[in-house]
C-alpha atoms as a PDB file:
ATOM      1  CA  UNK A   1      -0.024  -0.093  -0.057  1.00  0.00           C
ATOM      2  CA  UNK A   2       1.469   3.615  -0.821  1.00  0.00           C
ATOM      3  CA  UNK A   3       0.534   6.343   1.480  1.00  0.00           C
ATOM      4  CA  UNK A   4       0.543  10.189   0.806  1.00  0.00           C
ATOM      5  CA  UNK A   5       0.905  12.529   4.015  1.00  0.00           C
ATOM      6  CA  UNK A   6       1.255  16.353   2.983  1.00  0.00           C
ATOM      7  CA  UNK A   7       1.942  19.258   5.670  1.00  0.00           C
ATOM      8  CA  UNK A   8       2.620  22.792   4.656  1.00  0.00           C
ATOM      9  CA  UNK A   9      -0.069  25.770   3.688  1.00  0.00           C
ATOM     10  CA  UNK A  10      -1.243  25.129  -0.054  1.00  0.00           C
ATOM     11  CA  UNK A  11      -0.431  29.338  -0.802  1.00  0.00           C
ATOM     12  CA  UNK A  12       2.549  29.048   1.289  1.00  0.00           C
ATOM     13  CA  UNK A  13       6.034  29.020   0.727  1.00  0.00           C
ATOM     14  CA  UNK A  14       6.172  24.872   0.018  1.00  0.00           C
ATOM     15  CA  UNK A  15       4.068  21.625   0.699  1.00  0.00           C
ATOM     16  CA  UNK A  16       5.603  19.039   1.637  1.00  0.00           C
ATOM     17  CA  UNK A  17       4.930  15.312   1.070  1.00  0.00           C
ATOM     18  CA  UNK A  18       5.673  12.271   2.333  1.00  0.00           C
ATOM     19  CA  UNK A  19       5.562   9.119   0.388  1.00  0.00           C
ATOM     20  CA  UNK A  20       5.269   5.753   2.177  1.00  0.00           C
ATOM     21  CA  UNK A  21       5.121   1.928   0.711  1.00  0.00           C
ATOM     22  CA  UNK A  22       7.775   2.797  -2.121  1.00  0.00           C
ATOM     23  CA  UNK A  23      10.221   0.161  -2.607  1.00  0.00           C
ATOM     24  CA  UNK A  24      13.998   1.146  -1.517  1.00  0.00           C
ATOM     25  CA  UNK A  25      16.171   1.733  -4.422  1.00  0.00           C
ATOM     26  CA  UNK A  26      12.934   2.700  -6.474  1.00  0.00           C
ATOM     27  CA  UNK A  27      14.673   5.677  -9.662  1.00  0.00           C
ATOM     28  CA  UNK A  28      12.727   8.646  -9.284  1.00  0.00           C
ATOM     29  CA  UNK A  29      13.063  11.009 -12.237  1.00  0.00           C
ATOM     30  CA  UNK A  30      12.009  14.389 -10.895  1.00  0.00           C
ATOM     31  CA  UNK A  31      12.012  15.986 -14.182  1.00  0.00           C
ATOM     32  CA  UNK A  32       8.522  13.767 -15.485  1.00  0.00           C
ATOM     33  CA  UNK A  33       6.929  14.493 -11.873  1.00  0.00           C
ATOM     34  CA  UNK A  34       7.645  18.156 -12.531  1.00  0.00           C
ATOM     35  CA  UNK A  35       6.508  17.827 -16.505  1.00  0.00           C
ATOM     36  CA  UNK A  36       3.166  16.169 -14.629  1.00  0.00           C
ATOM     37  CA  UNK A  37       2.401  18.865 -12.341  1.00  0.00           C
ATOM     38  CA  UNK A  38       3.250  21.449 -14.886  1.00  0.00           C
ATOM     39  CA  UNK A  39      -0.003  19.957 -16.441  1.00  0.00           C
ATOM     40  CA  UNK A  40      -2.442  21.589 -13.475  1.00  0.00           C
ATOM     41  CA  UNK A  41      -1.219  25.368 -15.359  1.00  0.00           C
ATOM     42  CA  UNK A  42      -2.923  24.170 -18.574  1.00  0.00           C
ATOM     43  CA  UNK A  43      -6.471  23.144 -17.001  1.00  0.00           C
ATOM     44  CA  UNK A  44      -9.456  24.509 -15.816  1.00  0.00           C
ATOM     45  CA  UNK A  45      -9.620  25.917 -12.057  1.00  0.00           C
ATOM     46  CA  UNK A  46     -11.648  28.715 -10.204  1.00  0.00           C
ATOM     47  CA  UNK A  47      -8.702  31.690 -10.372  1.00  0.00           C
ATOM     48  CA  UNK A  48      -6.266  32.655 -11.932  1.00  0.00           C
ATOM     49  CA  UNK A  49      -3.514  31.242  -8.843  1.00  0.00           C
ATOM     50  CA  UNK A  50      -2.928  28.056 -10.764  1.00  0.00           C
ATOM     51  CA  UNK A  51      -1.475  30.538 -13.533  1.00  0.00           C
ATOM     52  CA  UNK A  52       0.976  32.070 -10.962  1.00  0.00           C
ATOM     53  CA  UNK A  53       1.995  29.165  -9.107  1.00  0.00           C
ATOM     54  CA  UNK A  54       5.315  26.919 -10.050  1.00  0.00           C
ATOM     55  CA  UNK A  55       5.148  23.764  -8.774  1.00  0.00           C
ATOM     56  CA  UNK A  56       7.985  21.973  -8.899  1.00  0.00           C
ATOM     57  CA  UNK A  57       9.362  18.697  -7.150  1.00  0.00           C
END
């Protein structure tokens, strides 16, 4: 089972995510994660905040 725990402020300087249940030694591609996070800026939202926030791993 994979579990995500987050902490921090949604509109603060940072939001921390702790991911548990990932096998040791699994390679993580930070560039791929950042590409997926950037997809949020191309979608629909309630406001323009998603256009100014730059999410990155």
